[in-house]
Structure formats: C-alpha cells, structure tokens
C-alpha cells in the first residue's frame, strides 16, 4: 500500500461538474447543493492541491491550465470510486432506471423491443424533458441509462458520460393529402425546399429539424407548442402548405387527410443513442447494452451508407461506418 492524499470525492465531483458546465449556478443545480456550498468545495480542493483551477471572470468561468490538466484524472478517479462502491453494494435487486426523451417520436417503442427480450433484468422506464435534463439526472445518480437523440450542444461536453448509437431510423415526410407533393411515392429532401416546415417547438430547440432545414434549403418554418403527435398531424392536415418530419416507424394516430411519404436521395436518418454514467454504473447495465447491440444487429438498425443516407453529426456518433 502506498500512502497518498486523502481527497474528498465530493470536492472532486464538484470540480468535474463545474469543469463540464463552466457555470457555478448550473453545476450547483446538477449536484443538488447551493452555489455557496459548491464554491466552498472548489476552494477547499484548490487549497488541498495548491493550484487555482478556475478563472472566475465577471461574466464567464474558464479553466486554468491546472484545471484543464485535471479534467481527465478527475473523471477516472470518479469512475474508480464508483466501481469501488459498486463492488461492495448489493444492487442486483434494484431496477435499472431508464429515462427517454424525444417523446413526440415515441422512443419507448424501440426500448420495448429490447426490454421485452430481457426477462432477467428489471427495467424501470421513465421520462426526461430533453438531452441536458437526462444527462444531469445521470450525473446526479437519479437514473441509470438514457435513450434518445445525442448530439453536440455548444458549451456542453457531457464529461463523465458515455454514449453508444443504438438505432438509425429513416425519416418520412408527413403531408396533407391536398399538398401538391402528396401523391408522390417517394420524395427527395430538396423537393421540400419551397414548403413550410412545421416544428413542434422553436427551431433553436429542435436540433435534427434545424440541421435538416439548413442542409436542404428549407427557408420557411412555422413553430408551435408541442401538444403531442396528434396535434402536429392535425396542424399539417389543416395547413396544406405545411409538412413535418417523423421517423418512419412512429405509430401514427388515426387522423384522416394526411399521408406519409418516404424520403430518398438522400434518406435522412434519425439517430437514437444510449447514454450512461461512467462512474458507479448499475450492475446490469452491461446486460442491457449488450441486448441493445444484439437486437440492433438482428434488426439491422445501424445500417448506414454515406452515398445513400444523410446523418447529421456523423463525426460525433459511435458505431457507424
């Protein structure tokens, strides 16, 4: 045994979360403590290490060179601590908590395919608001696994979390039967450039739709409240100049007067991913990840051809080639 410093892991975790968010207020919220308590933990850690870790400007927080150097070791230390605790804790009987987001596109239908084939694993499904919300819940330990669309967010690095691509789903365009393009058997994304894209929230909050509009020249968009899938479909039905996009396998409610048309040349793909906390994982997390991988391979969920398909953020996704 080698003697070493007695580091307080709560202070290390405070540093790691603050280094990720570069915002003391948001970091305190994620950790479930006051901003004053967070500042004290950081200050005491800096005192123990003899190094300043953050530059605290009037309008922004940034890492010092010492802080940058410690981000990797801090993540590894917290992961090791989680493994240490998991080795001594009997959590086999606790259900694995799995939160989904992107509810308009029915993420639970994909999760159900896998969970139904895992009779030996107790999974407790739940709902998160969005990617940042589920990421924060994972870091707090409030959930064990997330499922939804993982994409880059400016200023957010998701330190301490890992993700894996689970499914690539072709996207259809939904049109009113009175739309000039509704009779087509298949459409190119560029054919939609003169239409109005209906968005169930402001476009700034809808990463996939925003990138689709930028890539294929959709200049006109219309945003409204996300009141559920039926409401979005009814809006498209009642506004024949509008269209919206949906993953191809989303079960549509019975709303007459609309038609889903496949897109090709290229085919847009909606990426569903798994997201989990690297430190202190649930003991059956590996079984669930393996089941998603096996199910995805059998159902050919991860097929991608760059000459045929369009996938935003391809460089940020794992397991695609």
Protein backbone atom coordinates (compact mmCIF):
# COMPACT_ATOMS: atom_id res chain seq x y z
CA UNK A 1 0.00 0.00 0.00
CA UNK A 2 1.22 3.46 -0.86
CA UNK A 3 0.20 6.48 1.20
CA UNK A 4 -1.42 9.31 -0.73
CA UNK A 5 -3.54 12.40 -0.27
CA UNK A 6 -6.95 11.98 1.36
CA UNK A 7 -9.04 13.64 -1.33
CA UNK A 8 -12.68 14.40 -0.65
CA UNK A 9 -14.57 12.89 -3.60
CA UNK A 10 -17.42 15.37 -3.15
CA UNK A 11 -14.94 18.12 -3.93
CA UNK A 12 -13.55 16.22 -6.91
CA UNK A 13 -17.09 15.71 -8.22
CA UNK A 14 -17.83 19.40 -7.70
CA UNK A 15 -14.77 20.23 -9.80
CA UNK A 16 -15.69 17.74 -12.55
CA UNK A 17 -19.25 19.00 -12.95
CA UNK A 18 -18.20 22.66 -12.87
CA UNK A 19 -15.44 21.98 -15.39
CA UNK A 20 -18.06 20.40 -17.65
CA UNK A 21 -20.62 23.19 -17.41
CA UNK A 22 -18.31 26.18 -16.78
CA UNK A 23 -21.14 27.73 -14.79
CA UNK A 24 -21.28 27.64 -10.98
CA UNK A 25 -25.05 28.10 -10.81
CA UNK A 26 -25.89 25.24 -13.20
CA UNK A 27 -23.26 22.98 -11.63
CA UNK A 28 -24.75 23.57 -8.17
CA UNK A 29 -28.20 22.70 -9.55
CA UNK A 30 -26.92 19.44 -11.07
CA UNK A 31 -25.24 18.49 -7.78
CA UNK A 32 -28.28 19.44 -5.72
CA UNK A 33 -26.38 21.91 -3.49
CA UNK A 34 -26.26 25.67 -3.12
CA UNK A 35 -23.87 27.75 -5.17
CA UNK A 36 -22.18 28.85 -1.95
CA UNK A 37 -21.57 25.23 -0.94
CA UNK A 38 -20.18 24.48 -4.41
CA UNK A 39 -17.79 27.44 -4.22
CA UNK A 40 -16.56 26.24 -0.82
CA UNK A 41 -15.88 22.73 -2.15
CA UNK A 42 -13.93 24.11 -5.10
CA UNK A 43 -11.95 26.49 -2.88
CA UNK A 44 -11.05 23.71 -0.43
CA UNK A 45 -9.97 21.43 -3.28
CA UNK A 46 -7.80 24.22 -4.68
CA UNK A 47 -6.30 24.65 -1.20
CA UNK A 48 -5.54 20.93 -0.94
CA UNK A 49 -3.92 20.86 -4.37
CA UNK A 50 -2.16 24.20 -4.10
CA UNK A 51 -3.46 25.25 -7.51
CA UNK A 52 -6.15 27.55 -8.88
CA UNK A 53 -8.49 25.52 -11.09
CA UNK A 54 -10.88 28.17 -12.46
CA UNK A 55 -10.59 31.71 -13.75
CA UNK A 56 -13.65 33.39 -12.30
CA UNK A 57 -14.42 36.31 -14.60
CA UNK A 58 -17.22 38.81 -14.16
CA UNK A 59 -19.26 37.27 -16.98
CA UNK A 60 -17.70 33.85 -17.58
CA UNK A 61 -15.87 30.97 -15.93
CA UNK A 62 -12.96 29.19 -17.60
CA UNK A 63 -10.46 26.51 -16.66
CA UNK A 64 -6.89 27.40 -15.82
CA UNK A 65 -4.07 25.28 -17.24
CA UNK A 66 -4.09 23.29 -13.99
CA UNK A 67 -7.84 22.81 -14.26
CA UNK A 68 -7.57 21.57 -17.86
CA UNK A 69 -4.89 19.10 -16.80
CA UNK A 70 -7.11 17.69 -14.04
CA UNK A 71 -10.31 17.04 -16.05
CA UNK A 72 -9.19 13.61 -17.28
CA UNK A 73 -7.76 12.39 -13.96
CA UNK A 74 -10.87 13.62 -12.13
CA UNK A 75 -13.14 11.63 -14.44
CA UNK A 76 -11.00 8.50 -13.97
CA UNK A 77 -10.94 8.97 -10.21
CA UNK A 78 -14.72 9.24 -10.01
CA UNK A 79 -15.13 6.20 -12.24
CA UNK A 80 -12.81 4.18 -9.99
CA UNK A 81 -14.69 5.38 -6.92
CA UNK A 82 -17.97 4.26 -8.46
CA UNK A 83 -16.54 0.83 -9.22
CA UNK A 84 -15.27 0.60 -5.64
CA UNK A 85 -18.71 1.32 -4.22
CA UNK A 86 -20.48 -0.96 -6.72
CA UNK A 87 -18.21 -3.86 -5.74
CA UNK A 88 -19.43 -3.66 -2.15
CA UNK A 89 -23.06 -2.74 -2.75
CA UNK A 90 -25.74 -5.29 -3.43
CA UNK A 91 -27.88 -3.55 -6.04
CA UNK A 92 -28.91 -6.59 -8.06
CA UNK A 93 -32.48 -6.25 -6.90
CA UNK A 94 -32.79 -2.56 -7.72
CA UNK A 95 -34.42 -1.98 -11.12
CA UNK A 96 -32.31 -0.30 -13.77
CA UNK A 97 -33.81 3.14 -14.31
CA UNK A 98 -34.03 4.10 -17.97
CA UNK A 99 -35.20 7.58 -18.99
CA UNK A 100 -36.15 8.54 -22.54
CA UNK A 101 -36.52 11.87 -24.28
CA UNK A 102 -37.81 12.94 -27.70
CA UNK A 103 -41.33 11.88 -26.76
CA UNK A 104 -43.01 13.12 -29.94
CA UNK A 105 -41.10 10.41 -31.84
CA UNK A 106 -42.13 7.60 -29.44
CA UNK A 107 -38.76 6.41 -28.12
CA UNK A 108 -40.40 3.80 -25.88
CA UNK A 109 -41.37 1.66 -28.89
CA UNK A 110 -37.68 0.94 -29.56
CA UNK A 111 -36.88 0.42 -25.88
CA UNK A 112 -39.80 -2.02 -25.59
CA UNK A 113 -38.35 -4.30 -28.29
CA UNK A 114 -35.22 -4.78 -26.19
CA UNK A 115 -36.70 -4.79 -22.69
CA UNK A 116 -39.28 -7.42 -23.65
CA UNK A 117 -36.38 -9.73 -24.56
CA UNK A 118 -34.67 -9.24 -21.16
CA UNK A 119 -36.82 -11.16 -18.67
CA UNK A 120 -33.93 -11.43 -16.20
CA UNK A 121 -33.39 -7.67 -15.93
CA UNK A 122 -35.83 -5.39 -14.15
CA UNK A 123 -36.06 -2.10 -16.07
CA UNK A 124 -37.94 0.88 -14.69
CA UNK A 125 -38.76 3.24 -17.57
CA UNK A 126 -39.18 6.96 -17.06
CA UNK A 127 -39.34 10.23 -18.94
CA UNK A 128 -36.89 13.10 -19.16
CA UNK A 129 -37.52 16.50 -20.69
CA UNK A 130 -34.57 16.60 -23.09
CA UNK A 131 -30.92 15.59 -23.56
CA UNK A 132 -29.48 18.06 -21.00
CA UNK A 133 -32.13 17.08 -18.47
CA UNK A 134 -31.41 13.36 -18.75
CA UNK A 135 -27.64 13.99 -18.74
CA UNK A 136 -27.96 15.94 -15.49
CA UNK A 137 -30.14 13.19 -13.97
CA UNK A 138 -27.47 10.62 -14.88
CA UNK A 139 -24.73 12.68 -13.28
CA UNK A 140 -26.80 13.06 -10.10
CA UNK A 141 -27.45 9.31 -10.00
CA UNK A 142 -31.20 9.79 -10.39
CA UNK A 143 -31.30 7.45 -13.39
CA UNK A 144 -29.02 4.75 -14.83
CA UNK A 145 -29.46 4.89 -18.60
CA UNK A 146 -30.88 7.34 -21.13
CA UNK A 147 -32.29 6.76 -24.61
CA UNK A 148 -32.85 9.49 -27.18
CA UNK A 149 -31.01 11.66 -29.70
CA UNK A 150 -27.49 12.55 -28.56
CA UNK A 151 -25.97 15.50 -30.39
CA UNK A 152 -23.39 18.23 -29.79
CA UNK A 153 -24.55 21.17 -27.67
CA UNK A 154 -22.39 24.32 -27.67
CA UNK A 155 -20.63 24.77 -24.35
CA UNK A 156 -21.54 21.27 -23.10
CA UNK A 157 -19.09 18.35 -23.14
CA UNK A 158 -21.01 15.76 -21.08
CA UNK A 159 -17.92 14.81 -19.07
CA UNK A 160 -18.42 11.61 -17.07
CA UNK A 161 -20.97 10.20 -19.53
CA UNK A 162 -20.60 7.63 -22.29
CA UNK A 163 -22.90 7.06 -25.25
CA UNK A 164 -23.42 4.50 -27.98
CA UNK A 165 -25.51 4.60 -31.12
CA UNK A 166 -28.50 2.25 -30.85
CA UNK A 167 -30.68 2.82 -33.92
CA UNK A 168 -30.71 4.75 -37.18
CA UNK A 169 -34.28 5.27 -38.35
CA UNK A 170 -35.27 6.51 -41.83
CA UNK A 171 -37.35 9.67 -41.78
CA UNK A 172 -40.60 10.24 -43.71
CA UNK A 173 -42.29 13.50 -44.60
CA UNK A 174 -45.89 13.93 -43.46
CA UNK A 175 -48.16 15.93 -45.80
CA UNK A 176 -51.80 16.84 -46.07
CA UNK A 177 -53.48 14.95 -48.89
CA UNK A 178 -54.11 18.35 -50.51
CA UNK A 179 -50.40 19.19 -50.62
CA UNK A 180 -49.01 19.37 -54.19
CA UNK A 181 -46.42 16.67 -53.39
CA UNK A 182 -48.70 14.29 -51.50
CA UNK A 183 -49.33 11.95 -54.43
CA UNK A 184 -45.64 11.05 -54.83
CA UNK A 185 -44.44 7.55 -53.95
CA UNK A 186 -41.10 8.93 -52.78
CA UNK A 187 -39.61 12.42 -52.47
CA UNK A 188 -36.15 13.91 -52.29
CA UNK A 189 -35.49 16.19 -49.31
CA UNK A 190 -34.72 19.01 -51.74
CA UNK A 191 -38.27 18.73 -53.14
CA UNK A 192 -39.49 20.26 -49.85
CA UNK A 193 -37.49 23.49 -50.19
CA UNK A 194 -40.49 25.58 -51.24
CA UNK A 195 -42.74 24.33 -48.45
CA UNK A 196 -43.23 25.36 -44.83
CA UNK A 197 -41.79 23.01 -42.22
CA UNK A 198 -43.98 22.69 -39.11
CA UNK A 199 -41.94 22.43 -35.90
CA UNK A 200 -43.48 21.42 -32.55
CA UNK A 201 -41.22 23.93 -30.70
CA UNK A 202 -38.89 26.75 -31.62
CA UNK A 203 -36.39 25.59 -34.22
CA UNK A 204 -33.47 26.52 -31.94
CA UNK A 205 -34.55 23.69 -29.60
CA UNK A 206 -35.00 21.05 -32.33
CA UNK A 207 -31.53 20.00 -33.41
CA UNK A 208 -32.50 17.48 -36.10
CA UNK A 209 -35.11 19.69 -37.79
CA UNK A 210 -32.80 22.72 -37.67
CA UNK A 211 -29.98 20.82 -39.35
CA UNK A 212 -32.38 19.34 -41.92
CA UNK A 213 -33.61 22.83 -42.81
CA UNK A 214 -30.04 24.12 -43.16
CA UNK A 215 -28.88 21.16 -45.25
CA UNK A 216 -31.79 21.06 -47.69
CA UNK A 217 -32.62 24.74 -48.05
CA UNK A 218 -35.87 24.91 -46.10
CA UNK A 219 -36.20 28.66 -45.74
CA UNK A 220 -39.69 28.81 -44.23
CA UNK A 221 -40.59 27.24 -40.91
CA UNK A 222 -43.50 27.55 -38.51
CA UNK A 223 -43.27 26.74 -34.83
CA UNK A 224 -45.93 25.96 -32.26
CA UNK A 225 -46.32 24.25 -28.90
CA UNK A 226 -45.58 20.55 -28.58
CA UNK A 227 -49.06 19.31 -27.71
CA UNK A 228 -48.45 15.76 -28.86
CA UNK A 229 -48.25 13.85 -32.10
CA UNK A 230 -51.96 14.04 -32.93
CA UNK A 231 -51.87 17.84 -32.63
CA UNK A 232 -48.88 18.09 -35.00
CA UNK A 233 -50.57 15.83 -37.55
CA UNK A 234 -53.81 17.80 -37.34
CA UNK A 235 -51.88 21.03 -37.91
CA UNK A 236 -50.33 19.62 -41.07
CA UNK A 237 -53.72 18.35 -42.23
CA UNK A 238 -55.30 21.77 -41.71
CA UNK A 239 -52.43 23.68 -43.41
CA UNK A 240 -51.80 22.04 -46.81
CA UNK A 241 -48.73 24.19 -47.47
CA UNK A 242 -47.01 22.68 -44.40
CA UNK A 243 -45.11 19.47 -43.84
CA UNK A 244 -43.35 17.86 -40.92
CA UNK A 245 -40.85 15.03 -40.48
CA UNK A 246 -41.28 11.82 -38.50
CA UNK A 247 -39.18 8.66 -38.07
CA UNK A 248 -40.67 6.08 -40.40
CA UNK A 249 -41.80 3.58 -37.75
CA UNK A 250 -43.59 6.05 -35.47
CA UNK A 251 -47.14 4.72 -34.99
CA UNK A 252 -49.44 7.42 -36.33
CA UNK A 253 -52.76 8.19 -34.67
CA UNK A 254 -55.84 7.79 -36.82
CA UNK A 255 -56.03 11.26 -38.38
CA UNK A 256 -57.61 11.20 -41.85
CA UNK A 257 -56.41 13.57 -44.54
CA UNK A 258 -52.64 13.10 -44.18
CA UNK A 259 -50.08 10.92 -45.91
CA UNK A 260 -46.54 9.83 -45.01
CA UNK A 261 -44.12 9.73 -47.96
CA UNK A 262 -40.63 8.16 -47.76
CA UNK A 263 -37.61 10.39 -48.41
CA UNK A 264 -34.65 9.29 -50.54
CA UNK A 265 -31.74 10.77 -52.42
CA UNK A 266 -30.53 11.03 -49.68
CA UNK A 267 -32.56 9.29 -46.99
CA UNK A 268 -32.41 11.29 -43.72
CA UNK A 269 -31.68 9.13 -40.68
CA UNK A 270 -32.76 9.92 -37.13
CA UNK A 271 -30.15 8.66 -34.67
CA UNK A 272 -31.23 7.11 -31.38
CA UNK A 273 -28.48 6.62 -28.79
CA UNK A 274 -27.91 5.22 -25.32
CA UNK A 275 -26.34 7.47 -22.69
CA UNK A 276 -25.00 6.37 -19.31
CA UNK A 277 -22.87 7.45 -16.37
CA UNK A 278 -19.34 6.05 -16.39
CA UNK A 279 -18.97 6.17 -12.60
CA UNK A 280 -20.98 3.78 -10.38
CA UNK A 281 -22.92 2.04 -13.18
CA UNK A 282 -25.85 -0.23 -12.42
CA UNK A 283 -24.55 -3.83 -12.21
CA UNK A 284 -26.85 -4.97 -15.02
CA UNK A 285 -26.07 -2.07 -17.34
CA UNK A 286 -23.73 -4.27 -19.38
CA UNK A 287 -26.53 -6.79 -19.98
CA UNK A 288 -28.85 -4.05 -21.25
CA UNK A 289 -26.19 -2.53 -23.53
CA UNK A 290 -25.39 -5.98 -24.94
CA UNK A 291 -29.09 -6.62 -25.57
CA UNK A 292 -29.43 -3.34 -27.50
CA UNK A 293 -26.38 -4.26 -29.59
CA UNK A 294 -27.66 -7.77 -30.33
CA UNK A 295 -31.18 -6.57 -31.11
CA UNK A 296 -29.87 -3.78 -33.33
CA UNK A 297 -27.68 -6.17 -35.30
CA UNK A 298 -30.51 -8.63 -35.81
CA UNK A 299 -32.95 -5.93 -36.94
CA UNK A 300 -30.28 -4.09 -38.98
CA UNK A 301 -30.86 -0.90 -37.01
CA UNK A 302 -27.39 0.50 -37.66
CA UNK A 303 -27.19 0.32 -41.45
CA UNK A 304 -25.68 3.47 -42.91
CA UNK A 305 -24.40 4.19 -46.43
CA UNK A 306 -22.91 7.69 -46.88
CA UNK A 307 -23.70 7.52 -50.60
CA UNK A 308 -27.35 6.85 -49.87
CA UNK A 309 -28.15 8.37 -46.46
CA UNK A 310 -27.86 11.72 -44.66
CA UNK A 311 -26.92 11.62 -41.00
CA UNK A 312 -26.13 14.86 -39.17
CA UNK A 313 -23.25 14.87 -36.67
CA UNK A 314 -21.80 11.66 -38.07
CA UNK A 315 -18.42 12.58 -36.60
CA UNK A 316 -19.93 12.72 -33.11
CA UNK A 317 -21.56 9.28 -33.19
CA UNK A 318 -20.04 5.91 -32.32
CA UNK A 319 -20.52 2.63 -34.11
CA UNK A 320 -21.32 3.96 -37.57
CA UNK A 321 -19.24 3.14 -40.60
